[in-house]
Amino acid sequence: MIQIKAKDYISEGFSYSDGEVIQSAVDQILDKGESVAIDFSNIDSYTALFFKIALIRHLGSMTPDEYESKIKVENLSELGNLVYNQCYRTAVKFYRLTPEEQEIHTQCIREMMEDLGVSE
């Protein structure tokens, strides 16, 4: 397992672009057939968006068991742990749906966002 320190790449786990930076580092390791541990020491700010982009989207291409054997998160703050675990549980539920159910779910969210005046 190859360990990376998130702090070497980002200062906080806050934005879409922060997520892309970590995702790229993780993908480079996974593409080599290796597993990765991401050490989040000294990072205190996190958003669900960050985790979804950086890590959780991998659940779309692997089972939860595969994900857990290939991707480990370490040293998250209390807030980081809470946000990460909520994102993970939500994603597992979503990816267990059939493609048709996923589409219905996604469409419902789009409609709610539209009703609220929020763009994607």
PDB file of N, CA and C in Angstrom:
ATOM      1  N   MET A   1       0.850  -1.177   0.000  1.00  0.00           N
ATOM      2  CA  MET A   1       0.000   0.000   0.000  1.00  0.00           C
ATOM      3  C   MET A   1       0.895   1.238   0.000  1.00  0.00           C
ATOM      4  N   ILE A   2       0.617   2.146  -0.915  1.00  0.00           N
ATOM      5  CA  ILE A   2       1.377   3.377  -1.023  1.00  0.00           C
ATOM      6  C   ILE A   2       0.667   4.455  -0.216  1.00  0.00           C
ATOM      7  N   GLN A   3       1.413   5.145   0.627  1.00  0.00           N
ATOM      8  CA  GLN A   3       0.831   6.202   1.437  1.00  0.00           C
ATOM      9  C   GLN A   3       1.182   7.566   0.854  1.00  0.00           C
ATOM     10  N   ILE A   4       0.160   8.420   0.779  1.00  0.00           N
ATOM     11  CA  ILE A   4       0.388   9.808   0.394  1.00  0.00           C
ATOM     12  C   ILE A   4      -0.112  10.703   1.518  1.00  0.00           C
ATOM     13  N   LYS A   5       0.517  11.840   1.658  1.00  0.00           N
ATOM     14  CA  LYS A   5       0.096  12.836   2.637  1.00  0.00           C
ATOM     15  C   LYS A   5      -0.685  13.912   1.892  1.00  0.00           C
ATOM     16  N   ALA A   6      -1.960  14.026   2.228  1.00  0.00           N
ATOM     17  CA  ALA A   6      -2.811  15.004   1.560  1.00  0.00           C
ATOM     18  C   ALA A   6      -2.236  16.407   1.673  1.00  0.00           C
ATOM     19  N   LYS A   7      -1.599  16.709   2.791  1.00  0.00           N
ATOM     20  CA  LYS A   7      -1.040  18.051   3.023  1.00  0.00           C
ATOM     21  C   LYS A   7       0.041  18.400   1.994  1.00  0.00           C
ATOM     22  N   ASP A   8       0.663  17.377   1.383  1.00  0.00           N
ATOM     23  CA  ASP A   8       1.644  17.632   0.327  1.00  0.00           C
ATOM     24  C   ASP A   8       0.983  18.132  -0.961  1.00  0.00           C
ATOM     25  N   TYR A   9      -0.331  17.970  -1.054  1.00  0.00           N
ATOM     26  CA  TYR A   9      -1.060  18.315  -2.272  1.00  0.00           C
ATOM     27  C   TYR A   9      -2.033  19.476  -2.081  1.00  0.00           C
ATOM     28  N   ILE A  10      -2.644  19.550  -0.895  1.00  0.00           N
ATOM     29  CA  ILE A  10      -3.691  20.547  -0.639  1.00  0.00           C
ATOM     30  C   ILE A  10      -3.530  21.122   0.767  1.00  0.00           C
ATOM     31  N   SER A  11      -4.126  22.280   1.003  1.00  0.00           N
ATOM     32  CA  SER A  11      -4.086  22.853   2.353  1.00  0.00           C
ATOM     33  C   SER A  11      -5.374  22.588   3.118  1.00  0.00           C
ATOM     34  N   GLU A  12      -6.452  22.304   2.378  1.00  0.00           N
ATOM     35  CA  GLU A  12      -7.734  21.964   2.997  1.00  0.00           C
ATOM     36  C   GLU A  12      -8.546  21.112   2.032  1.00  0.00           C
ATOM     37  N   GLY A  13      -9.454  20.331   2.577  1.00  0.00           N
ATOM     38  CA  GLY A  13     -10.319  19.479   1.757  1.00  0.00           C
ATOM     39  C   GLY A  13     -11.646  20.160   1.553  1.00  0.00           C
ATOM     40  N   PHE A  14     -11.616  21.246   0.811  1.00  0.00           N
ATOM     41  CA  PHE A  14     -12.776  22.109   0.768  1.00  0.00           C
ATOM     42  C   PHE A  14     -13.441  22.207  -0.598  1.00  0.00           C
ATOM     43  N   SER A  15     -12.666  22.332  -1.645  1.00  0.00           N
ATOM     44  CA  SER A  15     -13.235  22.678  -2.948  1.00  0.00           C
ATOM     45  C   SER A  15     -13.203  21.516  -3.942  1.00  0.00           C
ATOM     46  N   TYR A  16     -13.884  21.748  -5.044  1.00  0.00           N
ATOM     47  CA  TYR A  16     -13.880  20.803  -6.156  1.00  0.00           C
ATOM     48  C   TYR A  16     -12.446  20.596  -6.645  1.00  0.00           C
ATOM     49  N   SER A  17     -11.721  21.697  -6.778  1.00  0.00           N
ATOM     50  CA  SER A  17     -10.346  21.578  -7.284  1.00  0.00           C
ATOM     51  C   SER A  17      -9.443  20.848  -6.295  1.00  0.00           C
ATOM     52  N   ASP A  18      -9.654  21.032  -4.982  1.00  0.00           N
ATOM     53  CA  ASP A  18      -8.906  20.242  -3.988  1.00  0.00           C
ATOM     54  C   ASP A  18      -9.178  18.752  -4.203  1.00  0.00           C
ATOM     55  N   GLY A  19     -10.432  18.427  -4.437  1.00  0.00           N
ATOM     56  CA  GLY A  19     -10.812  17.041  -4.684  1.00  0.00           C
ATOM     57  C   GLY A  19     -10.159  16.481  -5.930  1.00  0.00           C
ATOM     58  N   GLU A  20     -10.103  17.285  -6.978  1.00  0.00           N
ATOM     59  CA  GLU A  20      -9.471  16.834  -8.212  1.00  0.00           C
ATOM     60  C   GLU A  20      -7.983  16.541  -8.015  1.00  0.00           C
ATOM     61  N   VAL A  21      -7.326  17.349  -7.202  1.00  0.00           N
ATOM     62  CA  VAL A  21      -5.896  17.148  -6.950  1.00  0.00           C
ATOM     63  C   VAL A  21      -5.670  15.797  -6.261  1.00  0.00           C
ATOM     64  N   ILE A  22      -6.463  15.517  -5.235  1.00  0.00           N
ATOM     65  CA  ILE A  22      -6.315  14.240  -4.525  1.00  0.00           C
ATOM     66  C   ILE A  22      -6.747  13.089  -5.421  1.00  0.00           C
ATOM     67  N   GLN A  23      -7.824  13.274  -6.173  1.00  0.00           N
ATOM     68  CA  GLN A  23      -8.275  12.214  -7.081  1.00  0.00           C
ATOM     69  C   GLN A  23      -7.180  11.851  -8.070  1.00  0.00           C
ATOM     70  N   SER A  24      -6.506  12.831  -8.613  1.00  0.00           N
ATOM     71  CA  SER A  24      -5.438  12.578  -9.569  1.00  0.00           C
ATOM     72  C   SER A  24      -4.305  11.767  -8.930  1.00  0.00           C
ATOM     73  N   ALA A  25      -3.912  12.147  -7.728  1.00  0.00           N
ATOM     74  CA  ALA A  25      -2.845  11.416  -7.024  1.00  0.00           C
ATOM     75  C   ALA A  25      -3.276   9.977  -6.739  1.00  0.00           C
ATOM     76  N   VAL A  26      -4.516   9.799  -6.322  1.00  0.00           N
ATOM     77  CA  VAL A  26      -5.045   8.454  -6.030  1.00  0.00           C
ATOM     78  C   VAL A  26      -5.120   7.638  -7.317  1.00  0.00           C
ATOM     79  N   ASP A  27      -5.636   8.241  -8.380  1.00  0.00           N
ATOM     80  CA  ASP A  27      -5.768   7.528  -9.654  1.00  0.00           C
ATOM     81  C   ASP A  27      -4.421   7.051 -10.191  1.00  0.00           C
ATOM     82  N   GLN A  28      -3.377   7.865 -10.036  1.00  0.00           N
ATOM     83  CA  GLN A  28      -2.053   7.454 -10.504  1.00  0.00           C
ATOM     84  C   GLN A  28      -1.598   6.175  -9.802  1.00  0.00           C
ATOM     85  N   ILE A  29      -1.915   6.049  -8.542  1.00  0.00           N
ATOM     86  CA  ILE A  29      -1.536   4.856  -7.782  1.00  0.00           C
ATOM     87  C   ILE A  29      -2.422   3.674  -8.155  1.00  0.00           C
ATOM     88  N   LEU A  30      -3.735   3.900  -8.215  1.00  0.00           N
ATOM     89  CA  LEU A  30      -4.659   2.817  -8.568  1.00  0.00           C
ATOM     90  C   LEU A  30      -4.398   2.302  -9.981  1.00  0.00           C
ATOM     91  N   ASP A  31      -4.036   3.196 -10.895  1.00  0.00           N
ATOM     92  CA  ASP A  31      -3.762   2.794 -12.278  1.00  0.00           C
ATOM     93  C   ASP A  31      -2.563   1.851 -12.387  1.00  0.00           C
ATOM     94  N   LYS A  32      -1.702   1.882 -11.394  1.00  0.00           N
ATOM     95  CA  LYS A  32      -0.551   0.974 -11.355  1.00  0.00           C
ATOM     96  C   LYS A  32      -0.894  -0.358 -10.681  1.00  0.00           C
ATOM     97  N   GLY A  33      -2.160  -0.505 -10.268  1.00  0.00           N
ATOM     98  CA  GLY A  33      -2.581  -1.733  -9.603  1.00  0.00           C
ATOM     99  C   GLY A  33      -2.261  -1.769  -8.120  1.00  0.00           C
ATOM    100  N   GLU A  34      -1.856  -0.645  -7.575  1.00  0.00           N
ATOM    101  CA  GLU A  34      -1.514  -0.549  -6.157  1.00  0.00           C
ATOM    102  C   GLU A  34      -2.725  -0.070  -5.362  1.00  0.00           C
ATOM    103  N   SER A  35      -2.656  -0.222  -4.051  1.00  0.00           N
ATOM    104  CA  SER A  35      -3.651   0.370  -3.165  1.00  0.00           C
ATOM    105  C   SER A  35      -3.038   1.617  -2.540  1.00  0.00           C
ATOM    106  N   VAL A  36      -3.890   2.479  -1.974  1.00  0.00           N
ATOM    107  CA  VAL A  36      -3.409   3.770  -1.478  1.00  0.00           C
ATOM    108  C   VAL A  36      -4.013   4.076  -0.112  1.00  0.00           C
ATOM    109  N   ALA A  37      -3.196   4.661   0.738  1.00  0.00           N
ATOM    110  CA  ALA A  37      -3.643   5.210   2.015  1.00  0.00           C
ATOM    111  C   ALA A  37      -3.397   6.710   1.959  1.00  0.00           C
ATOM    112  N   ILE A  38      -4.434   7.478   2.243  1.00  0.00           N
ATOM    113  CA  ILE A  38      -4.304   8.926   2.221  1.00  0.00           C
ATOM    114  C   ILE A  38      -4.301   9.424   3.659  1.00  0.00           C
ATOM    115  N   ASP A  39      -3.205  10.050   4.047  1.00  0.00           N
ATOM    116  CA  ASP A  39      -3.039  10.585   5.395  1.00  0.00           C
ATOM    117  C   ASP A  39      -3.509  12.040   5.396  1.00  0.00           C
ATOM    118  N   PHE A  40      -4.563  12.306   6.167  1.00  0.00           N
ATOM    119  CA  PHE A  40      -5.143  13.646   6.217  1.00  0.00           C
ATOM    120  C   PHE A  40      -4.694  14.433   7.445  1.00  0.00           C
ATOM    121  N   SER A  41      -3.549  14.082   8.018  1.00  0.00           N
ATOM    122  CA  SER A  41      -3.017  14.831   9.165  1.00  0.00           C
ATOM    123  C   SER A  41      -2.890  16.308   8.822  1.00  0.00           C
ATOM    124  N   ASN A  42      -3.210  17.152   9.798  1.00  0.00           N
ATOM    125  CA  ASN A  42      -3.053  18.601   9.696  1.00  0.00           C
ATOM    126  C   ASN A  42      -3.978  19.265   8.682  1.00  0.00           C
ATOM    127  N   ILE A  43      -5.048  18.587   8.313  1.00  0.00           N
ATOM    128  CA  ILE A  43      -6.084  19.213   7.488  1.00  0.00           C
ATOM    129  C   ILE A  43      -7.371  19.157   8.304  1.00  0.00           C
ATOM    130  N   ASP A  44      -7.980  20.317   8.524  1.00  0.00           N
ATOM    131  CA  ASP A  44      -9.139  20.382   9.407  1.00  0.00           C
ATOM    132  C   ASP A  44     -10.453  20.699   8.695  1.00  0.00           C
ATOM    133  N   SER A  45     -10.393  21.330   7.519  1.00  0.00           N
ATOM    134  CA  SER A  45     -11.600  21.747   6.813  1.00  0.00           C
ATOM    135  C   SER A  45     -11.943  20.760   5.712  1.00  0.00           C
ATOM    136  N   TYR A  46     -13.181  20.307   5.716  1.00  0.00           N
ATOM    137  CA  TYR A  46     -13.638  19.339   4.718  1.00  0.00           C
ATOM    138  C   TYR A  46     -15.053  19.675   4.288  1.00  0.00           C
ATOM    139  N   THR A  47     -15.363  19.331   3.046  1.00  0.00           N
ATOM    140  CA  THR A  47     -16.740  19.396   2.563  1.00  0.00           C
ATOM    141  C   THR A  47     -17.088  18.069   1.914  1.00  0.00           C
ATOM    142  N   ALA A  48     -18.385  17.821   1.824  1.00  0.00           N
ATOM    143  CA  ALA A  48     -18.852  16.614   1.140  1.00  0.00           C
ATOM    144  C   ALA A  48     -18.401  16.642  -0.320  1.00  0.00           C
ATOM    145  N   LEU A  49     -18.450  17.798  -0.943  1.00  0.00           N
ATOM    146  CA  LEU A  49     -18.029  17.917  -2.344  1.00  0.00           C
ATOM    147  C   LEU A  49     -16.594  17.431  -2.512  1.00  0.00           C
ATOM    148  N   PHE A  50     -15.715  17.848  -1.628  1.00  0.00           N
ATOM    149  CA  PHE A  50     -14.321  17.421  -1.697  1.00  0.00           C
ATOM    150  C   PHE A  50     -14.219  15.895  -1.684  1.00  0.00           C
ATOM    151  N   PHE A  51     -14.851  15.243  -0.715  1.00  0.00           N
ATOM    152  CA  PHE A  51     -14.748  13.794  -0.614  1.00  0.00           C
ATOM    153  C   PHE A  51     -15.388  13.087  -1.802  1.00  0.00           C
ATOM    154  N   LYS A  52     -16.488  13.618  -2.292  1.00  0.00           N
ATOM    155  CA  LYS A  52     -17.143  13.001  -3.449  1.00  0.00           C
ATOM    156  C   LYS A  52     -16.234  13.012  -4.669  1.00  0.00           C
ATOM    157  N   ILE A  53     -15.549  14.112  -4.887  1.00  0.00           N
ATOM    158  CA  ILE A  53     -14.659  14.222  -6.047  1.00  0.00           C
ATOM    159  C   ILE A  53     -13.374  13.436  -5.816  1.00  0.00           C
ATOM    160  N   ALA A  54     -12.780  13.588  -4.658  1.00  0.00           N
ATOM    161  CA  ALA A  54     -11.467  12.988  -4.378  1.00  0.00           C
ATOM    162  C   ALA A  54     -11.519  11.473  -4.288  1.00  0.00           C
ATOM    163  N   LEU A  55     -12.547  10.937  -3.656  1.00  0.00           N
ATOM    164  CA  LEU A  55     -12.538   9.509  -3.337  1.00  0.00           C
ATOM    165  C   LEU A  55     -13.820   8.758  -3.654  1.00  0.00           C
ATOM    166  N   ILE A  56     -14.925   9.294  -3.250  1.00  0.00           N
ATOM    167  CA  ILE A  56     -16.186   8.553  -3.285  1.00  0.00           C
ATOM    168  C   ILE A  56     -16.611   8.181  -4.699  1.00  0.00           C
ATOM    169  N   ARG A  57     -16.264   8.982  -5.689  1.00  0.00           N
ATOM    170  CA  ARG A  57     -16.683   8.646  -7.057  1.00  0.00           C
ATOM    171  C   ARG A  57     -16.102   7.311  -7.520  1.00  0.00           C
ATOM    172  N   HIS A  58     -15.055   6.823  -6.849  1.00  0.00           N
ATOM    173  CA  HIS A  58     -14.501   5.508  -7.194  1.00  0.00           C
ATOM    174  C   HIS A  58     -15.493   4.376  -6.928  1.00  0.00           C
ATOM    175  N   LEU A  59     -16.479   4.625  -6.072  1.00  0.00           N
ATOM    176  CA  LEU A  59     -17.488   3.595  -5.812  1.00  0.00           C
ATOM    177  C   LEU A  59     -18.347   3.313  -7.039  1.00  0.00           C
ATOM    178  N   GLY A  60     -18.301   4.189  -8.027  1.00  0.00           N
ATOM    179  CA  GLY A  60     -19.023   3.955  -9.277  1.00  0.00           C
ATOM    180  C   GLY A  60     -18.383   2.874 -10.130  1.00  0.00           C
ATOM    181  N   SER A  61     -17.122   2.575  -9.859  1.00  0.00           N
ATOM    182  CA  SER A  61     -16.412   1.587 -10.679  1.00  0.00           C
ATOM    183  C   SER A  61     -15.889   0.388  -9.885  1.00  0.00           C
ATOM    184  N   MET A  62     -16.137   0.363  -8.592  1.00  0.00           N
ATOM    185  CA  MET A  62     -15.718  -0.790  -7.792  1.00  0.00           C
ATOM    186  C   MET A  62     -16.726  -1.037  -6.681  1.00  0.00           C
ATOM    187  N   THR A  63     -16.750  -2.256  -6.201  1.00  0.00           N
ATOM    188  CA  THR A  63     -17.654  -2.591  -5.103  1.00  0.00           C
ATOM    189  C   THR A  63     -17.134  -1.959  -3.811  1.00  0.00           C
ATOM    190  N   PRO A  64     -17.998  -1.843  -2.799  1.00  0.00           N
ATOM    191  CA  PRO A  64     -17.510  -1.327  -1.518  1.00  0.00           C
ATOM    192  C   PRO A  64     -16.341  -2.141  -0.958  1.00  0.00           C
ATOM    193  N   ASP A  65     -16.368  -3.454  -1.120  1.00  0.00           N
ATOM    194  CA  ASP A  65     -15.259  -4.284  -0.635  1.00  0.00           C
ATOM    195  C   ASP A  65     -13.962  -3.962  -1.379  1.00  0.00           C
ATOM    196  N   GLU A  66     -14.058  -3.809  -2.704  1.00  0.00           N
ATOM    197  CA  GLU A  66     -12.867  -3.443  -3.490  1.00  0.00           C
ATOM    198  C   GLU A  66     -12.347  -2.076  -3.071  1.00  0.00           C
ATOM    199  N   TYR A  67     -13.272  -1.141  -2.916  1.00  0.00           N
ATOM    200  CA  TYR A  67     -12.908   0.211  -2.504  1.00  0.00           C
ATOM    201  C   TYR A  67     -12.153   0.172  -1.172  1.00  0.00           C
ATOM    202  N   GLU A  68     -12.724  -0.526  -0.203  1.00  0.00           N
ATOM    203  CA  GLU A  68     -12.118  -0.572   1.126  1.00  0.00           C
ATOM    204  C   GLU A  68     -10.771  -1.281   1.132  1.00  0.00           C
ATOM    205  N   SER A  69     -10.556  -2.180   0.188  1.00  0.00           N
ATOM    206  CA  SER A  69      -9.252  -2.851   0.130  1.00  0.00           C
ATOM    207  C   SER A  69      -8.214  -2.022  -0.635  1.00  0.00           C
ATOM    208  N   LYS A  70      -8.683  -1.090  -1.469  1.00  0.00           N
ATOM    209  CA  LYS A  70      -7.758  -0.310  -2.297  1.00  0.00           C
ATOM    210  C   LYS A  70      -7.542   1.121  -1.821  1.00  0.00           C
ATOM    211  N   ILE A  71      -8.513   1.660  -1.084  1.00  0.00           N
ATOM    212  CA  ILE A  71      -8.436   3.061  -0.656  1.00  0.00           C
ATOM    213  C   ILE A  71      -8.681   3.140   0.845  1.00  0.00           C
ATOM    214  N   LYS A  72      -7.715   3.682   1.559  1.00  0.00           N
ATOM    215  CA  LYS A  72      -7.828   3.876   3.007  1.00  0.00           C
ATOM    216  C   LYS A  72      -7.665   5.362   3.299  1.00  0.00           C
ATOM    217  N   VAL A  73      -8.430   5.834   4.253  1.00  0.00           N
ATOM    218  CA  VAL A  73      -8.252   7.205   4.729  1.00  0.00           C
ATOM    219  C   VAL A  73      -7.762   7.132   6.167  1.00  0.00           C
ATOM    220  N   GLU A  74      -6.817   7.988   6.484  1.00  0.00           N
ATOM    221  CA  GLU A  74      -6.202   7.965   7.804  1.00  0.00           C
ATOM    222  C   GLU A  74      -6.112   9.371   8.369  1.00  0.00           C
ATOM    223  N   ASN A  75      -6.201   9.444   9.680  1.00  0.00           N
ATOM    224  CA  ASN A  75      -5.970  10.677  10.436  1.00  0.00           C
ATOM    225  C   ASN A  75      -6.899  11.824  10.054  1.00  0.00           C
ATOM    226  N   LEU A  76      -8.155  11.491   9.790  1.00  0.00           N
ATOM    227  CA  LEU A  76      -9.141  12.535   9.560  1.00  0.00           C
ATOM    228  C   LEU A  76      -9.490  13.196  10.886  1.00  0.00           C
ATOM    229  N   SER A  77      -9.779  14.483  10.848  1.00  0.00           N
ATOM    230  CA  SER A  77     -10.292  15.168  12.031  1.00  0.00           C
ATOM    231  C   SER A  77     -11.675  14.589  12.338  1.00  0.00           C
ATOM    232  N   GLU A  78     -12.219  14.951  13.471  1.00  0.00           N
ATOM    233  CA  GLU A  78     -13.554  14.476  13.840  1.00  0.00           C
ATOM    234  C   GLU A  78     -14.575  14.898  12.787  1.00  0.00           C
ATOM    235  N   LEU A  79     -14.500  16.153  12.360  1.00  0.00           N
ATOM    236  CA  LEU A  79     -15.396  16.639  11.315  1.00  0.00           C
ATOM    237  C   LEU A  79     -15.163  15.890  10.007  1.00  0.00           C
ATOM    238  N   GLY A  80     -13.905  15.711   9.634  1.00  0.00           N
ATOM    239  CA  GLY A  80     -13.585  14.993   8.404  1.00  0.00           C
ATOM    240  C   GLY A  80     -14.138  13.584   8.414  1.00  0.00           C
ATOM    241  N   ASN A  81     -14.007  12.912   9.530  1.00  0.00           N
ATOM    242  CA  ASN A  81     -14.515  11.554   9.661  1.00  0.00           C
ATOM    243  C   ASN A  81     -16.032  11.520   9.504  1.00  0.00           C
ATOM    244  N   LEU A  82     -16.707  12.457  10.119  1.00  0.00           N
ATOM    245  CA  LEU A  82     -18.160  12.538  10.026  1.00  0.00           C
ATOM    246  C   LEU A  82     -18.608  12.769   8.583  1.00  0.00           C
ATOM    247  N   VAL A  83     -18.003  13.748   7.917  1.00  0.00           N
ATOM    248  CA  VAL A  83     -18.380  14.086   6.540  1.00  0.00           C
ATOM    249  C   VAL A  83     -18.042  12.935   5.592  1.00  0.00           C
ATOM    250  N   TYR A  84     -16.846  12.381   5.724  1.00  0.00           N
ATOM    251  CA  TYR A  84     -16.428  11.274   4.851  1.00  0.00           C
ATOM    252  C   TYR A  84     -17.365  10.075   4.987  1.00  0.00           C
ATOM    253  N   ASN A  85     -17.648   9.669   6.205  1.00  0.00           N
ATOM    254  CA  ASN A  85     -18.492   8.492   6.412  1.00  0.00           C
ATOM    255  C   ASN A  85     -19.906   8.695   5.900  1.00  0.00           C
ATOM    256  N   GLN A  86     -20.444   9.903   6.048  1.00  0.00           N
ATOM    257  CA  GLN A  86     -21.771  10.190   5.502  1.00  0.00           C
ATOM    258  C   GLN A  86     -21.756  10.102   3.979  1.00  0.00           C
ATOM    259  N   CYS A  87     -20.745  10.665   3.348  1.00  0.00           N
ATOM    260  CA  CYS A  87     -20.624  10.584   1.886  1.00  0.00           C
ATOM    261  C   CYS A  87     -20.505   9.134   1.434  1.00  0.00           C
ATOM    262  N   TYR A  88     -19.686   8.373   2.139  1.00  0.00           N
ATOM    263  CA  TYR A  88     -19.459   6.976   1.782  1.00  0.00           C
ATOM    264  C   TYR A  88     -20.771   6.178   1.869  1.00  0.00           C
ATOM    265  N   ARG A  89     -21.475   6.307   2.987  1.00  0.00           N
ATOM    266  CA  ARG A  89     -22.734   5.550   3.159  1.00  0.00           C
ATOM    267  C   ARG A  89     -23.760   5.929   2.097  1.00  0.00           C
ATOM    268  N   THR A  90     -23.874   7.207   1.808  1.00  0.00           N
ATOM    269  CA  THR A  90     -24.823   7.668   0.792  1.00  0.00           C
ATOM    270  C   THR A  90     -24.461   7.100  -0.581  1.00  0.00           C
ATOM    271  N   ALA A  91     -23.181   7.116  -0.920  1.00  0.00           N
ATOM    272  CA  ALA A  91     -22.734   6.606  -2.219  1.00  0.00           C
ATOM    273  C   ALA A  91     -22.970   5.106  -2.340  1.00  0.00           C
ATOM    274  N   VAL A  92     -22.706   4.362  -1.283  1.00  0.00           N
ATOM    275  CA  VAL A  92     -22.933   2.913  -1.325  1.00  0.00           C
ATOM    276  C   VAL A  92     -24.402   2.635  -1.600  1.00  0.00           C
ATOM    277  N   LYS A  93     -25.286   3.351  -0.935  1.00  0.00           N
ATOM    278  CA  LYS A  93     -26.730   3.169  -1.172  1.00  0.00           C
ATOM    279  C   LYS A  93     -27.086   3.487  -2.625  1.00  0.00           C
ATOM    280  N   PHE A  94     -26.540   4.600  -3.145  1.00  0.00           N
ATOM    281  CA  PHE A  94     -26.839   5.012  -4.508  1.00  0.00           C
ATOM    282  C   PHE A  94     -26.354   3.979  -5.520  1.00  0.00           C
ATOM    283  N   TYR A  95     -25.113   3.533  -5.393  1.00  0.00           N
ATOM    284  CA  TYR A  95     -24.552   2.615  -6.381  1.00  0.00           C
ATOM    285  C   TYR A  95     -25.122   1.200  -6.281  1.00  0.00           C
ATOM    286  N   ARG A  96     -25.832   0.917  -5.211  1.00  0.00           N
ATOM    287  CA  ARG A  96     -26.522  -0.375  -5.107  1.00  0.00           C
ATOM    288  C   ARG A  96     -27.861  -0.372  -5.853  1.00  0.00           C
ATOM    289  N   LEU A  97     -28.321   0.821  -6.232  1.00  0.00           N
ATOM    290  CA  LEU A  97     -29.560   0.933  -7.000  1.00  0.00           C
ATOM    291  C   LEU A  97     -29.327   0.434  -8.422  1.00  0.00           C
ATOM    292  N   THR A  98     -30.388   0.027  -9.068  1.00  0.00           N
ATOM    293  CA  THR A  98     -30.289  -0.330 -10.480  1.00  0.00           C
ATOM    294  C   THR A  98     -30.032   0.952 -11.272  1.00  0.00           C
ATOM    295  N   PRO A  99     -29.533   0.833 -12.507  1.00  0.00           N
ATOM    296  CA  PRO A  99     -29.342   2.043 -13.320  1.00  0.00           C
ATOM    297  C   PRO A  99     -30.620   2.869 -13.469  1.00  0.00           C
ATOM    298  N   GLU A 100     -31.752   2.205 -13.592  1.00  0.00           N
ATOM    299  CA  GLU A 100     -33.023   2.918 -13.720  1.00  0.00           C
ATOM    300  C   GLU A 100     -33.345   3.684 -12.439  1.00  0.00           C
ATOM    301  N   GLU A 101     -33.118   3.049 -11.293  1.00  0.00           N
ATOM    302  CA  GLU A 101     -33.362   3.711 -10.010  1.00  0.00           C
ATOM    303  C   GLU A 101     -32.392   4.882  -9.802  1.00  0.00           C
ATOM    304  N   GLN A 102     -31.154   4.709 -10.245  1.00  0.00           N
ATOM    305  CA  GLN A 102     -30.181   5.794 -10.149  1.00  0.00           C
ATOM    306  C   GLN A 102     -30.641   7.003 -10.960  1.00  0.00           C
ATOM    307  N   GLU A 103     -31.145   6.744 -12.157  1.00  0.00           N
ATOM    308  CA  GLU A 103     -31.617   7.831 -13.016  1.00  0.00           C
ATOM    309  C   GLU A 103     -32.804   8.558 -12.381  1.00  0.00           C
ATOM    310  N   ILE A 104     -33.746   7.814 -11.805  1.00  0.00           N
ATOM    311  CA  ILE A 104     -34.899   8.427 -11.128  1.00  0.00           C
ATOM    312  C   ILE A 104     -34.413   9.285  -9.957  1.00  0.00           C
ATOM    313  N   HIS A 105     -33.512   8.748  -9.191  1.00  0.00           N
ATOM    314  CA  HIS A 105     -32.944   9.461  -8.044  1.00  0.00           C
ATOM    315  C   HIS A 105     -32.266  10.754  -8.509  1.00  0.00           C
ATOM    316  N   THR A 106     -31.447  10.658  -9.535  1.00  0.00           N
ATOM    317  CA  THR A 106     -30.725  11.812 -10.065  1.00  0.00           C
ATOM    318  C   THR A 106     -31.698  12.856 -10.600  1.00  0.00           C
ATOM    319  N   GLN A 107     -32.723  12.409 -11.294  1.00  0.00           N
ATOM    320  CA  GLN A 107     -33.713  13.343 -11.845  1.00  0.00           C
ATOM    321  C   GLN A 107     -34.459  14.065 -10.725  1.00  0.00           C
ATOM    322  N   CYS A 108     -34.792  13.369  -9.665  1.00  0.00           N
ATOM    323  CA  CYS A 108     -35.466  14.001  -8.527  1.00  0.00           C
ATOM    324  C   CYS A 108     -34.593  15.099  -7.916  1.00  0.00           C
ATOM    325  N   ILE A 109     -33.313  14.825  -7.794  1.00  0.00           N
ATOM    326  CA  ILE A 109     -32.391  15.822  -7.239  1.00  0.00           C
ATOM    327  C   ILE A 109     -32.297  17.027  -8.168  1.00  0.00           C
ATOM    328  N   ARG A 110     -32.210  16.780  -9.472  1.00  0.00           N
ATOM    329  CA  ARG A 110     -32.157  17.898 -10.434  1.00  0.00           C
ATOM    330  C   ARG A 110     -33.397  18.777 -10.326  1.00  0.00           C
ATOM    331  N   GLU A 111     -34.557  18.133 -10.203  1.00  0.00           N
ATOM    332  CA  GLU A 111     -35.810  18.882 -10.098  1.00  0.00           C
ATOM    333  C   GLU A 111     -35.858  19.699  -8.813  1.00  0.00           C
ATOM    334  N   MET A 112     -35.387  19.122  -7.712  1.00  0.00           N
ATOM    335  CA  MET A 112     -35.348  19.870  -6.451  1.00  0.00           C
ATOM    336  C   MET A 112     -34.405  21.055  -6.565  1.00  0.00           C
ATOM    337  N   MET A 113     -33.270  20.860  -7.193  1.00  0.00           N
ATOM    338  CA  MET A 113     -32.307  21.950  -7.369  1.00  0.00           C
ATOM    339  C   MET A 113     -32.896  23.049  -8.236  1.00  0.00           C
ATOM    340  N   GLU A 114     -33.595  22.648  -9.278  1.00  0.00           N
ATOM    341  CA  GLU A 114     -34.235  23.616 -10.166  1.00  0.00           C
ATOM    342  C   GLU A 114     -35.295  24.415  -9.404  1.00  0.00           C
ATOM    343  N   ASP A 115     -36.089  23.706  -8.590  1.00  0.00           N
ATOM    344  CA  ASP A 115     -37.124  24.384  -7.798  1.00  0.00           C
ATOM    345  C   ASP A 115     -36.514  25.385  -6.829  1.00  0.00           C
ATOM    346  N   LEU A 116     -35.297  25.079  -6.347  1.00  0.00           N
ATOM    347  CA  LEU A 116     -34.620  25.960  -5.398  1.00  0.00           C
ATOM    348  C   LEU A 116     -33.816  27.056  -6.112  1.00  0.00           C
ATOM    349  N   GLY A 117     -33.743  26.982  -7.443  1.00  0.00           N
ATOM    350  CA  GLY A 117     -32.983  27.964  -8.196  1.00  0.00           C
ATOM    351  C   GLY A 117     -31.483  27.733  -8.138  1.00  0.00           C
ATOM    352  N   VAL A 118     -31.080  26.491  -7.898  1.00  0.00           N
ATOM    353  CA  VAL A 118     -29.668  26.155  -7.810  1.00  0.00           C
ATOM    354  C   VAL A 118     -29.245  25.472  -9.111  1.00  0.00           C
ATOM    355  N   SER A 119     -28.125  25.912  -9.672  1.00  0.00           N
ATOM    356  CA  SER A 119     -27.632  25.279 -10.895  1.00  0.00           C
ATOM    357  C   SER A 119     -26.565  24.260 -10.537  1.00  0.00           C
ATOM    358  N   GLU A 120     -26.363  23.285 -11.434  1.00  0.00           N
ATOM    359  CA  GLU A 120     -25.370  22.226 -11.202  1.00  0.00           C
ATOM    360  C   GLU A 120     -23.968  22.740 -11.306  1.00  0.00           C
TER     361      GLU A 120
END
